[in-house]
Structure formats: structure tokens, C-alpha cells
């Protein structure tokens, strides 16, 4: 394959992989997004709230949030 040596915004499409492999059909493709159902992800979350009412119209409130996300798939 013959790759262009200079890069400009005017020849962006000519430097794309599909255009370089097949210039006649590759000109119809721009940005591609790949989707795959081979990944898994899980999300766990916990919210705790404790409230204690004291005398003389005083109360104490404490909150804690925990979250965790695990995934085995990332953008390529």
C-alpha cells in the first residue's frame, strides 16, 4: 500500500484504514464504532444512614455511600 506522507485536515478520509484498503468503497465510511456483547460488568452500591435524636431538639445524622463497579471489557 502507498501511504501518504503528509497529514492535513484535507486528507483525513484518505488516511483512514478502510480507505487505504479499498479506496473506491472506503470513501463511504468515516468514523466507526465497534460494539461487542462479549463483555460483562457488575455494579454494587450501599447507602447507610444513621440518625440519632438527642434531647433539646438536637439530632445527629451520619451518611456513608459505598460503590464498586467491575468490568472486563474496555474500548479498543
C-alpha atoms as a PDB file:
ATOM      1  CA  UNK A   1       0.000   0.000   0.000  1.00  0.00           C
ATOM      2  CA  UNK A   2       1.067   3.534  -0.682  1.00  0.00           C
ATOM      3  CA  UNK A   3       0.527   5.714   2.393  1.00  0.00           C
ATOM      4  CA  UNK A   4       0.501   9.499   2.100  1.00  0.00           C
ATOM      5  CA  UNK A   5       3.484  11.157   3.732  1.00  0.00           C
ATOM      6  CA  UNK A   6       1.815  14.421   4.760  1.00  0.00           C
ATOM      7  CA  UNK A   7      -1.167  14.711   7.068  1.00  0.00           C
ATOM      8  CA  UNK A   8      -3.627  17.570   6.798  1.00  0.00           C
ATOM      9  CA  UNK A   9      -7.268  18.022   7.668  1.00  0.00           C
ATOM     10  CA  UNK A  10      -7.966  17.986   3.941  1.00  0.00           C
ATOM     11  CA  UNK A  11      -6.865  14.363   3.511  1.00  0.00           C
ATOM     12  CA  UNK A  12      -8.239  12.889   6.733  1.00  0.00           C
ATOM     13  CA  UNK A  13     -10.562  10.454   4.961  1.00  0.00           C
ATOM     14  CA  UNK A  14      -7.757   9.300   2.649  1.00  0.00           C
ATOM     15  CA  UNK A  15      -5.740   8.227   5.707  1.00  0.00           C
ATOM     16  CA  UNK A  16      -8.481   6.071   7.242  1.00  0.00           C
ATOM     17  CA  UNK A  17      -7.878   2.327   7.286  1.00  0.00           C
ATOM     18  CA  UNK A  18     -10.864   1.355   5.135  1.00  0.00           C
ATOM     19  CA  UNK A  19      -9.995   3.951   2.504  1.00  0.00           C
ATOM     20  CA  UNK A  20      -6.410   2.710   2.297  1.00  0.00           C
ATOM     21  CA  UNK A  21      -7.550  -0.904   1.874  1.00  0.00           C
ATOM     22  CA  UNK A  22     -10.236  -0.171  -0.725  1.00  0.00           C
ATOM     23  CA  UNK A  23     -10.326   3.455  -1.960  1.00  0.00           C
ATOM     24  CA  UNK A  24     -13.486   3.013  -4.067  1.00  0.00           C
ATOM     25  CA  UNK A  25     -15.696   1.702  -1.243  1.00  0.00           C
ATOM     26  CA  UNK A  26     -13.721   3.070   1.717  1.00  0.00           C
ATOM     27  CA  UNK A  27     -14.652   6.630   0.827  1.00  0.00           C
ATOM     28  CA  UNK A  28     -18.187   5.976   2.119  1.00  0.00           C
ATOM     29  CA  UNK A  29     -17.056   5.227   5.690  1.00  0.00           C
ATOM     30  CA  UNK A  30     -15.964   7.788   8.241  1.00  0.00           C
ATOM     31  CA  UNK A  31     -15.896   7.101  11.965  1.00  0.00           C
ATOM     32  CA  UNK A  32     -16.792   3.587  13.009  1.00  0.00           C
ATOM     33  CA  UNK A  33     -17.997   2.432  16.406  1.00  0.00           C
ATOM     34  CA  UNK A  34     -17.486  -1.197  17.305  1.00  0.00           C
ATOM     35  CA  UNK A  35     -19.993  -2.933  19.543  1.00  0.00           C
ATOM     36  CA  UNK A  36     -19.471  -6.290  21.148  1.00  0.00           C
ATOM     37  CA  UNK A  37     -21.624  -8.269  23.543  1.00  0.00           C
ATOM     38  CA  UNK A  38     -18.645 -10.202  24.900  1.00  0.00           C
ATOM     39  CA  UNK A  39     -18.071  -8.054  27.994  1.00  0.00           C
ATOM     40  CA  UNK A  40     -19.616  -8.211  31.433  1.00  0.00           C
ATOM     41  CA  UNK A  41     -19.958  -5.621  34.156  1.00  0.00           C
ATOM     42  CA  UNK A  42     -21.346  -5.530  37.668  1.00  0.00           C
ATOM     43  CA  UNK A  43     -22.213  -2.631  39.933  1.00  0.00           C
ATOM     44  CA  UNK A  44     -22.700  -2.798  43.687  1.00  0.00           C
ATOM     45  CA  UNK A  45     -23.739   0.072  45.878  1.00  0.00           C
ATOM     46  CA  UNK A  46     -24.590   0.638  49.526  1.00  0.00           C
ATOM     47  CA  UNK A  47     -26.025   3.684  51.248  1.00  0.00           C
ATOM     48  CA  UNK A  48     -26.084   3.830  55.054  1.00  0.00           C
ATOM     49  CA  UNK A  49     -27.852   6.481  57.045  1.00  0.00           C
ATOM     50  CA  UNK A  50     -27.930   6.732  60.843  1.00  0.00           C
ATOM     51  CA  UNK A  51     -29.993   9.296  62.678  1.00  0.00           C
ATOM     52  CA  UNK A  52     -29.997   9.777  66.450  1.00  0.00           C
ATOM     53  CA  UNK A  53     -32.407  12.169  68.117  1.00  0.00           C
ATOM     54  CA  UNK A  54     -30.987  13.694  71.257  1.00  0.00           C
ATOM     55  CA  UNK A  55     -32.641  15.848  73.869  1.00  0.00           C
ATOM     56  CA  UNK A  56     -33.290  19.588  73.488  1.00  0.00           C
ATOM     57  CA  UNK A  57     -34.239  19.314  69.765  1.00  0.00           C
ATOM     58  CA  UNK A  58     -30.769  18.169  68.704  1.00  0.00           C
ATOM     59  CA  UNK A  59     -30.214  15.334  66.269  1.00  0.00           C
ATOM     60  CA  UNK A  60     -27.148  13.745  64.725  1.00  0.00           C
ATOM     61  CA  UNK A  61     -27.185  12.408  61.171  1.00  0.00           C
ATOM     62  CA  UNK A  62     -24.405  10.378  59.539  1.00  0.00           C
ATOM     63  CA  UNK A  63     -24.333   9.038  55.977  1.00  0.00           C
ATOM     64  CA  UNK A  64     -21.942   6.765  54.131  1.00  0.00           C
ATOM     65  CA  UNK A  65     -22.023   5.718  50.482  1.00  0.00           C
ATOM     66  CA  UNK A  66     -20.021   2.826  49.020  1.00  0.00           C
ATOM     67  CA  UNK A  67     -19.982   1.855  45.361  1.00  0.00           C
ATOM     68  CA  UNK A  68     -17.961  -0.525  43.255  1.00  0.00           C
ATOM     69  CA  UNK A  69     -18.018  -1.265  39.531  1.00  0.00           C
ATOM     70  CA  UNK A  70     -16.138  -4.128  37.887  1.00  0.00           C
ATOM     71  CA  UNK A  71     -15.890  -4.644  34.134  1.00  0.00           C
ATOM     72  CA  UNK A  72     -13.831  -6.976  31.982  1.00  0.00           C
ATOM     73  CA  UNK A  73     -14.358  -5.061  28.735  1.00  0.00           C
ATOM     74  CA  UNK A  74     -12.826  -1.768  27.619  1.00  0.00           C
ATOM     75  CA  UNK A  75     -12.661   0.349  24.481  1.00  0.00           C
ATOM     76  CA  UNK A  76     -10.221  -0.925  21.919  1.00  0.00           C
END
